[in-house]
């Protein structure tokens, strides 16, 4: 069992490591914020930076590929999300995506990717557009419903990331 001298040294060390007392200026600033009952301040619109959601979708897609390379794609397989991200980004970039490219973007084997694309089309998330120049080629795009849902979701994800900030807090 530790003696009293050991406990006293331990307490002293813990006290030295604690956070410093806030400065009077910091306390005044916090008190000022708490005391502010200006109703106009609550109604004032908050400035939210405009975010290019197509670029954000592309960033999320690339982020997933980096993670796949680092930790293995088999651990984090989500082909439907990958296709949705790729098609959303492509729409913002004004790029047409054919079925073959969408299959590649999914990261799944072609037969599985085609099954997912068929399922998403049946659910009303994707629209198939025939190519005017080549009857063998079919382009995919998000339906209006899916584009709206993706916009809402990506806006929320981007807003949450901005709120957390680079420190992760």
N, C-alpha and C. Protein backbone atom coordinates (compact mmCIF):
# COMPACT_ATOMS: atom_id res chain seq x y z
N UNK A 1 0.84 -1.18 0.00
CA UNK A 1 0.00 0.00 0.00
C UNK A 1 0.89 1.24 0.00
N UNK A 2 0.57 2.27 -0.83
CA UNK A 2 1.43 3.43 -0.90
C UNK A 2 1.35 4.25 0.39
N UNK A 3 2.48 4.87 0.71
CA UNK A 3 2.47 5.72 1.89
C UNK A 3 1.97 7.12 1.55
N UNK A 4 1.81 7.97 2.54
CA UNK A 4 1.25 9.31 2.35
C UNK A 4 2.14 10.18 1.48
N UNK A 5 3.45 10.01 1.56
CA UNK A 5 4.37 10.82 0.75
C UNK A 5 4.18 10.49 -0.74
N UNK A 6 3.99 9.22 -1.06
CA UNK A 6 3.77 8.82 -2.45
C UNK A 6 2.45 9.39 -2.96
N UNK A 7 1.40 9.33 -2.17
CA UNK A 7 0.11 9.88 -2.57
C UNK A 7 0.20 11.39 -2.78
N UNK A 8 0.93 12.07 -1.93
CA UNK A 8 1.07 13.53 -2.06
C UNK A 8 1.78 13.87 -3.36
N UNK A 9 2.86 13.14 -3.71
CA UNK A 9 3.55 13.39 -4.98
C UNK A 9 2.64 13.13 -6.17
N UNK A 10 1.84 12.04 -6.11
CA UNK A 10 0.93 11.69 -7.19
C UNK A 10 -0.10 12.80 -7.39
N UNK A 11 -0.67 13.30 -6.29
CA UNK A 11 -1.66 14.38 -6.38
C UNK A 11 -1.04 15.63 -6.98
N UNK A 12 0.20 15.94 -6.58
CA UNK A 12 0.88 17.12 -7.10
C UNK A 12 1.09 16.98 -8.60
N UNK A 13 1.52 15.81 -9.05
CA UNK A 13 1.73 15.59 -10.48
C UNK A 13 0.43 15.77 -11.26
N UNK A 14 -0.65 15.22 -10.76
CA UNK A 14 -1.94 15.35 -11.45
C UNK A 14 -2.38 16.79 -11.53
N UNK A 15 -2.14 17.54 -10.49
CA UNK A 15 -2.54 18.94 -10.48
C UNK A 15 -1.74 19.72 -11.52
N UNK A 16 -0.46 19.44 -11.64
CA UNK A 16 0.37 20.16 -12.60
C UNK A 16 -0.05 19.87 -14.04
N UNK A 17 -0.58 18.69 -14.30
CA UNK A 17 -0.97 18.31 -15.66
C UNK A 17 -2.35 18.83 -16.04
N UNK A 18 -3.11 19.33 -15.11
CA UNK A 18 -4.45 19.78 -15.44
C UNK A 18 -4.39 21.04 -16.31
N UNK A 19 -5.51 21.33 -16.95
CA UNK A 19 -5.57 22.48 -17.86
C UNK A 19 -5.40 23.76 -17.08
N UNK A 20 -4.75 24.76 -17.69
CA UNK A 20 -4.58 26.04 -17.01
C UNK A 20 -5.92 26.74 -16.84
N UNK A 21 -5.99 27.59 -15.85
CA UNK A 21 -7.21 28.35 -15.62
C UNK A 21 -7.46 29.27 -16.81
N UNK A 22 -8.72 29.45 -17.18
CA UNK A 22 -9.01 30.34 -18.30
C UNK A 22 -8.67 31.78 -17.94
N UNK A 23 -8.28 32.52 -18.93
CA UNK A 23 -7.94 33.92 -18.71
C UNK A 23 -9.21 34.72 -18.46
N UNK A 24 -9.11 35.85 -17.77
CA UNK A 24 -10.30 36.67 -17.56
C UNK A 24 -10.95 37.11 -18.88
N UNK A 25 -10.16 37.35 -19.91
CA UNK A 25 -10.73 37.75 -21.20
C UNK A 25 -11.57 36.63 -21.80
N UNK A 26 -11.11 35.39 -21.67
CA UNK A 26 -11.87 34.25 -22.18
C UNK A 26 -13.18 34.09 -21.43
N UNK A 27 -13.11 34.26 -20.09
CA UNK A 27 -14.33 34.17 -19.30
C UNK A 27 -15.32 35.26 -19.68
N UNK A 28 -14.81 36.47 -19.90
CA UNK A 28 -15.69 37.58 -20.30
C UNK A 28 -16.35 37.30 -21.65
N UNK A 29 -15.60 36.71 -22.57
CA UNK A 29 -16.16 36.41 -23.89
C UNK A 29 -17.27 35.38 -23.78
N UNK A 30 -17.05 34.34 -22.98
CA UNK A 30 -18.08 33.31 -22.80
C UNK A 30 -19.30 33.90 -22.10
N UNK A 31 -19.07 34.70 -21.07
CA UNK A 31 -20.20 35.34 -20.37
C UNK A 31 -21.00 36.22 -21.32
N UNK A 32 -20.29 36.93 -22.20
CA UNK A 32 -20.96 37.80 -23.17
C UNK A 32 -21.82 37.01 -24.12
N UNK A 33 -21.31 35.86 -24.58
CA UNK A 33 -22.10 35.02 -25.48
C UNK A 33 -23.33 34.45 -24.79
N UNK A 34 -23.16 34.04 -23.52
CA UNK A 34 -24.28 33.48 -22.79
C UNK A 34 -25.32 34.54 -22.44
N UNK A 35 -24.86 35.75 -22.18
CA UNK A 35 -25.78 36.82 -21.80
C UNK A 35 -26.51 37.42 -22.98
N UNK A 36 -26.02 37.20 -24.19
CA UNK A 36 -26.63 37.77 -25.37
C UNK A 36 -27.99 37.15 -25.63
N UNK A 37 -29.01 37.96 -25.50
CA UNK A 37 -30.37 37.50 -25.75
C UNK A 37 -30.95 38.24 -26.94
N UNK A 38 -30.13 38.53 -27.91
CA UNK A 38 -30.56 39.26 -29.09
C UNK A 38 -31.36 38.33 -29.99
N UNK A 39 -32.70 38.52 -30.10
CA UNK A 39 -33.48 37.62 -30.93
C UNK A 39 -33.10 37.68 -32.39
N UNK A 40 -32.59 38.82 -32.85
CA UNK A 40 -32.19 38.95 -34.25
C UNK A 40 -31.02 38.03 -34.56
N UNK A 41 -30.15 37.80 -33.57
CA UNK A 41 -28.99 36.94 -33.79
C UNK A 41 -29.44 35.50 -34.06
N UNK A 42 -30.51 35.08 -33.38
CA UNK A 42 -31.00 33.71 -33.60
C UNK A 42 -31.64 33.56 -34.98
N UNK A 43 -32.24 34.65 -35.48
CA UNK A 43 -32.92 34.58 -36.77
C UNK A 43 -31.99 34.84 -37.94
N UNK A 44 -30.80 35.36 -37.67
CA UNK A 44 -29.86 35.67 -38.74
C UNK A 44 -29.46 34.39 -39.45
N UNK A 45 -29.45 34.40 -40.78
CA UNK A 45 -29.07 33.18 -41.50
C UNK A 45 -27.61 32.86 -41.28
N UNK A 46 -27.36 31.60 -41.10
CA UNK A 46 -25.98 31.16 -40.94
C UNK A 46 -25.37 31.01 -42.33
N UNK A 47 -24.15 31.46 -42.47
CA UNK A 47 -23.51 31.33 -43.77
C UNK A 47 -22.94 29.93 -43.90
N UNK A 48 -23.42 29.24 -44.89
CA UNK A 48 -22.96 27.88 -45.17
C UNK A 48 -22.28 27.93 -46.53
N UNK A 49 -21.04 27.50 -46.60
CA UNK A 49 -20.35 27.55 -47.89
C UNK A 49 -21.04 26.66 -48.91
N UNK A 50 -21.08 27.14 -50.14
CA UNK A 50 -21.65 26.34 -51.22
C UNK A 50 -20.72 25.17 -51.52
N UNK A 51 -21.29 24.02 -51.67
CA UNK A 51 -20.50 22.81 -51.92
C UNK A 51 -20.91 22.24 -53.26
N UNK A 52 -19.93 21.90 -54.06
CA UNK A 52 -20.18 21.21 -55.32
C UNK A 52 -20.43 19.74 -54.98
N UNK A 53 -21.70 19.36 -54.94
CA UNK A 53 -22.04 18.01 -54.50
C UNK A 53 -21.55 16.94 -55.46
N UNK A 54 -21.47 17.26 -56.75
CA UNK A 54 -20.93 16.28 -57.70
C UNK A 54 -19.46 16.02 -57.39
N UNK A 55 -18.71 17.07 -57.10
CA UNK A 55 -17.30 16.90 -56.75
C UNK A 55 -17.17 16.16 -55.41
N UNK A 56 -18.10 16.44 -54.49
CA UNK A 56 -18.09 15.74 -53.20
C UNK A 56 -18.37 14.25 -53.40
N UNK A 57 -19.33 13.93 -54.28
CA UNK A 57 -19.63 12.52 -54.58
C UNK A 57 -18.40 11.85 -55.19
N UNK A 58 -17.73 12.54 -56.10
CA UNK A 58 -16.52 11.98 -56.72
C UNK A 58 -15.45 11.76 -55.65
N UNK A 59 -15.33 12.72 -54.73
CA UNK A 59 -14.36 12.59 -53.64
C UNK A 59 -14.68 11.36 -52.78
N UNK A 60 -15.95 11.18 -52.44
CA UNK A 60 -16.33 10.01 -51.64
C UNK A 60 -16.02 8.71 -52.38
N UNK A 61 -16.27 8.71 -53.68
CA UNK A 61 -15.98 7.53 -54.49
C UNK A 61 -14.47 7.22 -54.48
N UNK A 62 -13.67 8.25 -54.70
CA UNK A 62 -12.21 8.05 -54.70
C UNK A 62 -11.71 7.65 -53.32
N UNK A 63 -12.31 8.22 -52.29
CA UNK A 63 -11.94 7.88 -50.93
C UNK A 63 -12.17 6.39 -50.67
N UNK A 64 -13.26 5.86 -51.20
CA UNK A 64 -13.55 4.44 -51.06
C UNK A 64 -12.51 3.59 -51.79
N UNK A 65 -12.05 4.04 -52.94
CA UNK A 65 -11.03 3.28 -53.68
C UNK A 65 -9.70 3.27 -52.90
N UNK A 66 -9.36 4.38 -52.29
CA UNK A 66 -8.13 4.44 -51.49
C UNK A 66 -8.24 3.47 -50.32
N UNK A 67 -9.40 3.47 -49.67
CA UNK A 67 -9.61 2.54 -48.55
C UNK A 67 -9.53 1.10 -49.02
N UNK A 68 -10.12 0.81 -50.21
CA UNK A 68 -10.06 -0.54 -50.76
C UNK A 68 -8.62 -0.98 -50.99
N UNK A 69 -7.81 -0.07 -51.52
CA UNK A 69 -6.41 -0.40 -51.78
C UNK A 69 -5.65 -0.65 -50.49
N UNK A 70 -5.95 0.13 -49.48
CA UNK A 70 -5.21 0.02 -48.22
C UNK A 70 -5.63 -1.21 -47.41
N UNK A 71 -6.94 -1.52 -47.41
CA UNK A 71 -7.43 -2.56 -46.51
C UNK A 71 -8.06 -3.75 -47.21
N UNK A 72 -8.22 -3.68 -48.50
CA UNK A 72 -8.82 -4.78 -49.25
C UNK A 72 -10.28 -4.51 -49.58
N UNK A 73 -10.60 -4.60 -50.84
CA UNK A 73 -11.95 -4.29 -51.31
C UNK A 73 -12.99 -5.27 -50.79
N UNK A 74 -12.60 -6.49 -50.53
CA UNK A 74 -13.56 -7.51 -50.09
C UNK A 74 -14.18 -7.17 -48.73
N UNK A 75 -13.48 -6.40 -47.93
CA UNK A 75 -13.99 -6.06 -46.61
C UNK A 75 -15.10 -5.01 -46.67
N UNK A 76 -15.09 -4.16 -47.69
CA UNK A 76 -15.99 -3.01 -47.72
C UNK A 76 -16.81 -2.96 -49.01
N UNK A 77 -17.33 -4.05 -49.43
CA UNK A 77 -17.99 -4.15 -50.72
C UNK A 77 -19.41 -3.57 -50.64
N UNK A 78 -19.68 -2.51 -51.41
CA UNK A 78 -21.01 -1.90 -51.46
C UNK A 78 -21.23 -1.37 -52.88
N UNK A 79 -21.47 -2.27 -53.84
CA UNK A 79 -21.54 -1.85 -55.24
C UNK A 79 -22.68 -0.90 -55.57
N UNK A 80 -23.81 -1.01 -54.90
CA UNK A 80 -24.93 -0.12 -55.18
C UNK A 80 -24.54 1.32 -54.85
N UNK A 81 -23.94 1.54 -53.69
CA UNK A 81 -23.51 2.87 -53.29
C UNK A 81 -22.45 3.41 -54.25
N UNK A 82 -21.54 2.56 -54.66
CA UNK A 82 -20.50 2.99 -55.60
C UNK A 82 -21.11 3.45 -56.93
N UNK A 83 -22.10 2.72 -57.43
CA UNK A 83 -22.75 3.10 -58.69
C UNK A 83 -23.50 4.42 -58.50
N UNK A 84 -24.22 4.56 -57.40
CA UNK A 84 -24.96 5.80 -57.15
C UNK A 84 -24.02 7.00 -57.07
N UNK A 85 -22.91 6.84 -56.36
CA UNK A 85 -21.93 7.93 -56.26
C UNK A 85 -21.36 8.28 -57.64
N UNK A 86 -21.00 7.25 -58.40
CA UNK A 86 -20.40 7.48 -59.71
C UNK A 86 -21.38 8.16 -60.66
N UNK A 87 -22.62 7.72 -60.67
CA UNK A 87 -23.61 8.32 -61.56
C UNK A 87 -23.96 9.75 -61.14
N UNK A 88 -24.00 10.01 -59.84
CA UNK A 88 -24.28 11.37 -59.37
C UNK A 88 -23.14 12.31 -59.79
N UNK A 89 -21.91 11.86 -59.57
CA UNK A 89 -20.76 12.68 -59.95
C UNK A 89 -20.72 12.90 -61.46
N UNK A 90 -20.99 11.85 -62.22
CA UNK A 90 -20.98 11.96 -63.68
C UNK A 90 -22.04 12.94 -64.17
N UNK A 91 -23.21 12.94 -63.54
CA UNK A 91 -24.26 13.88 -63.94
C UNK A 91 -23.80 15.31 -63.71
N UNK A 92 -23.14 15.56 -62.60
CA UNK A 92 -22.62 16.90 -62.31
C UNK A 92 -21.50 17.30 -63.26
N UNK A 93 -20.77 16.30 -63.73
CA UNK A 93 -19.66 16.56 -64.67
C UNK A 93 -20.15 16.56 -66.11
N UNK A 94 -21.43 16.34 -66.32
CA UNK A 94 -22.06 16.28 -67.66
C UNK A 94 -21.44 15.18 -68.52
N UNK A 95 -21.22 14.02 -67.90
CA UNK A 95 -20.63 12.88 -68.58
C UNK A 95 -21.65 11.76 -68.61
N UNK A 96 -21.82 11.13 -69.77
CA UNK A 96 -22.70 9.97 -69.88
C UNK A 96 -21.94 8.74 -69.42
N UNK A 97 -22.65 7.85 -68.74
CA UNK A 97 -22.05 6.62 -68.22
C UNK A 97 -22.77 5.44 -68.87
N UNK A 98 -22.00 4.62 -69.56
CA UNK A 98 -22.63 3.43 -70.15
C UNK A 98 -22.64 2.30 -69.12
N UNK A 99 -23.37 1.26 -69.44
CA UNK A 99 -23.54 0.15 -68.51
C UNK A 99 -22.20 -0.48 -68.15
N UNK A 100 -21.33 -0.62 -69.12
CA UNK A 100 -20.01 -1.22 -68.86
C UNK A 100 -19.23 -0.39 -67.85
N UNK A 101 -19.25 0.92 -67.99
CA UNK A 101 -18.55 1.80 -67.04
C UNK A 101 -19.18 1.73 -65.66
N UNK A 102 -20.50 1.66 -65.61
CA UNK A 102 -21.18 1.56 -64.32
C UNK A 102 -20.83 0.24 -63.63
N UNK A 103 -20.72 -0.83 -64.41
CA UNK A 103 -20.31 -2.12 -63.84
C UNK A 103 -18.90 -2.02 -63.25
N UNK A 104 -18.01 -1.37 -63.98
CA UNK A 104 -16.64 -1.20 -63.50
C UNK A 104 -16.62 -0.34 -62.24
N UNK A 105 -17.45 0.71 -62.21
CA UNK A 105 -17.49 1.60 -61.05
C UNK A 105 -17.99 0.88 -59.80
N UNK A 106 -18.82 -0.15 -60.00
CA UNK A 106 -19.38 -0.87 -58.85
C UNK A 106 -18.31 -1.67 -58.11
N UNK A 107 -17.27 -2.05 -58.82
CA UNK A 107 -16.24 -2.87 -58.19
C UNK A 107 -16.64 -4.33 -58.06
N UNK A 108 -17.81 -4.67 -58.54
CA UNK A 108 -18.31 -6.05 -58.46
C UNK A 108 -18.03 -6.76 -59.77
N UNK A 109 -18.06 -8.07 -59.77
CA UNK A 109 -17.96 -8.80 -61.03
C UNK A 109 -19.10 -8.35 -61.96
N UNK A 110 -18.88 -8.41 -63.26
CA UNK A 110 -19.84 -7.89 -64.22
C UNK A 110 -21.23 -8.49 -64.05
N UNK A 111 -21.32 -9.79 -63.83
CA UNK A 111 -22.65 -10.41 -63.69
C UNK A 111 -23.37 -9.89 -62.45
N UNK A 112 -22.64 -9.73 -61.37
CA UNK A 112 -23.25 -9.19 -60.15
C UNK A 112 -23.65 -7.73 -60.34
N UNK A 113 -22.76 -6.97 -60.96
CA UNK A 113 -23.04 -5.56 -61.20
C UNK A 113 -24.28 -5.40 -62.07
N UNK A 114 -24.42 -6.22 -63.10
CA UNK A 114 -25.61 -6.16 -63.95
C UNK A 114 -26.87 -6.49 -63.16
N UNK A 115 -26.77 -7.43 -62.24
CA UNK A 115 -27.91 -7.78 -61.39
C UNK A 115 -28.29 -6.58 -60.50
N UNK A 116 -27.28 -5.91 -59.93
CA UNK A 116 -27.55 -4.73 -59.10
C UNK A 116 -28.17 -3.61 -59.94
N UNK A 117 -27.67 -3.40 -61.14
CA UNK A 117 -28.20 -2.36 -62.02
C UNK A 117 -29.65 -2.66 -62.37
N UNK A 118 -29.94 -3.92 -62.65
CA UNK A 118 -31.32 -4.32 -62.96
C UNK A 118 -32.23 -4.05 -61.76
N UNK A 119 -31.75 -4.40 -60.56
CA UNK A 119 -32.52 -4.18 -59.34
C UNK A 119 -32.76 -2.69 -59.11
N UNK A 120 -31.72 -1.86 -59.28
CA UNK A 120 -31.86 -0.42 -59.08
C UNK A 120 -32.79 0.20 -60.11
N UNK A 121 -32.78 -0.32 -61.33
CA UNK A 121 -33.69 0.15 -62.37
C UNK A 121 -35.13 -0.20 -62.01
N UNK A 122 -35.33 -1.42 -61.54
CA UNK A 122 -36.67 -1.88 -61.14
C UNK A 122 -37.20 -1.06 -59.97
N UNK A 123 -36.29 -0.66 -59.05
CA UNK A 123 -36.68 0.14 -57.88
C UNK A 123 -36.90 1.62 -58.24
N UNK A 124 -36.61 1.98 -59.48
CA UNK A 124 -36.83 3.36 -59.91
C UNK A 124 -35.69 4.30 -59.58
N UNK A 125 -34.52 3.76 -59.27
CA UNK A 125 -33.37 4.59 -58.96
C UNK A 125 -32.56 4.96 -60.21
N UNK A 126 -32.57 4.07 -61.20
CA UNK A 126 -31.80 4.29 -62.42
C UNK A 126 -32.73 4.33 -63.62
N UNK A 127 -32.27 5.06 -64.64
CA UNK A 127 -32.98 5.12 -65.92
C UNK A 127 -32.00 4.68 -66.99
N UNK A 128 -32.48 3.83 -67.87
CA UNK A 128 -31.67 3.35 -69.00
C UNK A 128 -32.01 4.18 -70.23
N UNK A 129 -31.00 4.75 -70.87
CA UNK A 129 -31.19 5.53 -72.10
C UNK A 129 -30.44 4.84 -73.23
N UNK A 130 -31.17 4.57 -74.32
CA UNK A 130 -30.56 3.95 -75.50
C UNK A 130 -29.67 4.97 -76.21
N UNK A 131 -28.59 4.51 -76.76
CA UNK A 131 -27.68 5.36 -77.54
C UNK A 131 -28.26 5.52 -78.94
N UNK A 132 -28.32 6.75 -79.43
CA UNK A 132 -28.86 7.00 -80.77
C UNK A 132 -27.95 6.47 -81.87
N UNK A 133 -26.64 6.51 -81.61
CA UNK A 133 -25.67 6.15 -82.64
C UNK A 133 -25.35 4.66 -82.67
N UNK A 134 -25.50 3.98 -81.54
CA UNK A 134 -25.09 2.58 -81.45
C UNK A 134 -26.14 1.82 -80.64
N UNK A 135 -26.89 0.99 -81.30
CA UNK A 135 -27.98 0.26 -80.65
C UNK A 135 -27.48 -0.70 -79.57
N UNK A 136 -26.20 -1.05 -79.61
CA UNK A 136 -25.65 -1.96 -78.61
C UNK A 136 -25.32 -1.25 -77.31
N UNK A 137 -25.22 0.07 -77.33
CA UNK A 137 -24.80 0.83 -76.16
C UNK A 137 -26.00 1.39 -75.41
N UNK A 138 -25.96 1.25 -74.09
CA UNK A 138 -27.01 1.77 -73.21
C UNK A 138 -26.34 2.62 -72.14
N UNK A 139 -26.90 3.81 -71.94
CA UNK A 139 -26.39 4.71 -70.90
C UNK A 139 -27.29 4.63 -69.67
N UNK A 140 -26.70 4.86 -68.52
CA UNK A 140 -27.44 4.88 -67.27
C UNK A 140 -27.36 6.27 -66.66
N UNK A 141 -28.43 6.65 -65.99
CA UNK A 141 -28.43 7.89 -65.22
C UNK A 141 -29.35 7.69 -64.03
N UNK A 142 -29.20 8.55 -63.04
CA UNK A 142 -30.08 8.50 -61.88
C UNK A 142 -31.46 9.00 -62.28
N UNK A 143 -32.49 8.38 -61.74
CA UNK A 143 -33.84 8.90 -61.94
C UNK A 143 -33.95 10.22 -61.18
N UNK A 144 -34.98 10.97 -61.46
CA UNK A 144 -35.18 12.23 -60.75
C UNK A 144 -35.32 11.99 -59.25
N UNK A 145 -36.04 10.93 -58.89
CA UNK A 145 -36.23 10.57 -57.48
C UNK A 145 -34.88 10.25 -56.82
N UNK A 146 -34.06 9.47 -57.48
CA UNK A 146 -32.76 9.09 -56.92
C UNK A 146 -31.83 10.30 -56.85
N UNK A 147 -31.87 11.16 -57.88
CA UNK A 147 -31.02 12.35 -57.87
C UNK A 147 -31.39 13.26 -56.70
N UNK A 148 -32.68 13.41 -56.45
CA UNK A 148 -33.13 14.25 -55.33
C UNK A 148 -32.69 13.64 -54.00
N UNK A 149 -32.88 12.34 -53.85
CA UNK A 149 -32.46 11.68 -52.60
C UNK A 149 -30.95 11.76 -52.40
N UNK A 150 -30.20 11.58 -53.48
CA UNK A 150 -28.73 11.68 -53.38
C UNK A 150 -28.31 13.09 -53.03
N UNK A 151 -28.98 14.09 -53.61
CA UNK A 151 -28.65 15.49 -53.29
C UNK A 151 -28.89 15.75 -51.81
N UNK A 152 -30.02 15.29 -51.29
CA UNK A 152 -30.32 15.47 -49.87
C UNK A 152 -29.28 14.75 -48.99
N UNK A 153 -28.97 13.53 -49.35
CA UNK A 153 -28.02 12.74 -48.57
C UNK A 153 -26.62 13.34 -48.61
N UNK A 154 -26.15 13.68 -49.81
CA UNK A 154 -24.81 14.24 -49.94
C UNK A 154 -24.72 15.60 -49.25
N UNK A 155 -25.78 16.38 -49.30
CA UNK A 155 -25.79 17.67 -48.59
C UNK A 155 -25.64 17.44 -47.10
N UNK A 156 -26.35 16.47 -46.60
CA UNK A 156 -26.26 16.16 -45.17
C UNK A 156 -24.87 15.66 -44.79
N UNK A 157 -24.31 14.77 -45.61
CA UNK A 157 -22.97 14.25 -45.33
C UNK A 157 -21.93 15.38 -45.37
N UNK A 158 -22.03 16.24 -46.37
CA UNK A 158 -21.08 17.34 -46.49
C UNK A 158 -21.23 18.30 -45.32
N UNK A 159 -22.46 18.61 -44.94
CA UNK A 159 -22.71 19.51 -43.82
C UNK A 159 -22.13 18.92 -42.54
N UNK A 160 -22.33 17.61 -42.34
CA UNK A 160 -21.80 16.95 -41.14
C UNK A 160 -20.27 16.99 -41.13
N UNK A 161 -19.66 16.79 -42.29
CA UNK A 161 -18.19 16.85 -42.35
C UNK A 161 -17.68 18.25 -42.06
N UNK A 162 -18.39 19.26 -42.56
CA UNK A 162 -17.98 20.63 -42.27
C UNK A 162 -18.15 20.96 -40.80
N UNK A 163 -19.20 20.44 -40.19
CA UNK A 163 -19.45 20.70 -38.78
C UNK A 163 -18.37 20.07 -37.91
N UNK A 164 -17.92 18.90 -38.31
CA UNK A 164 -16.88 18.21 -37.54
C UNK A 164 -15.54 18.89 -37.73
N UNK A 165 -15.24 19.26 -38.95
CA UNK A 165 -13.99 19.95 -39.23
C UNK A 165 -12.81 19.00 -39.30
N UNK A 166 -11.64 19.55 -39.61
CA UNK A 166 -10.46 18.72 -39.80
C UNK A 166 -9.93 18.08 -38.52
N UNK A 167 -10.34 18.60 -37.36
CA UNK A 167 -9.83 18.02 -36.12
C UNK A 167 -10.61 16.80 -35.69
N UNK A 168 -11.76 16.55 -36.34
CA UNK A 168 -12.56 15.39 -35.97
C UNK A 168 -13.43 15.62 -34.77
N UNK A 169 -13.64 16.87 -34.40
CA UNK A 169 -14.47 17.19 -33.23
C UNK A 169 -15.69 17.96 -33.61
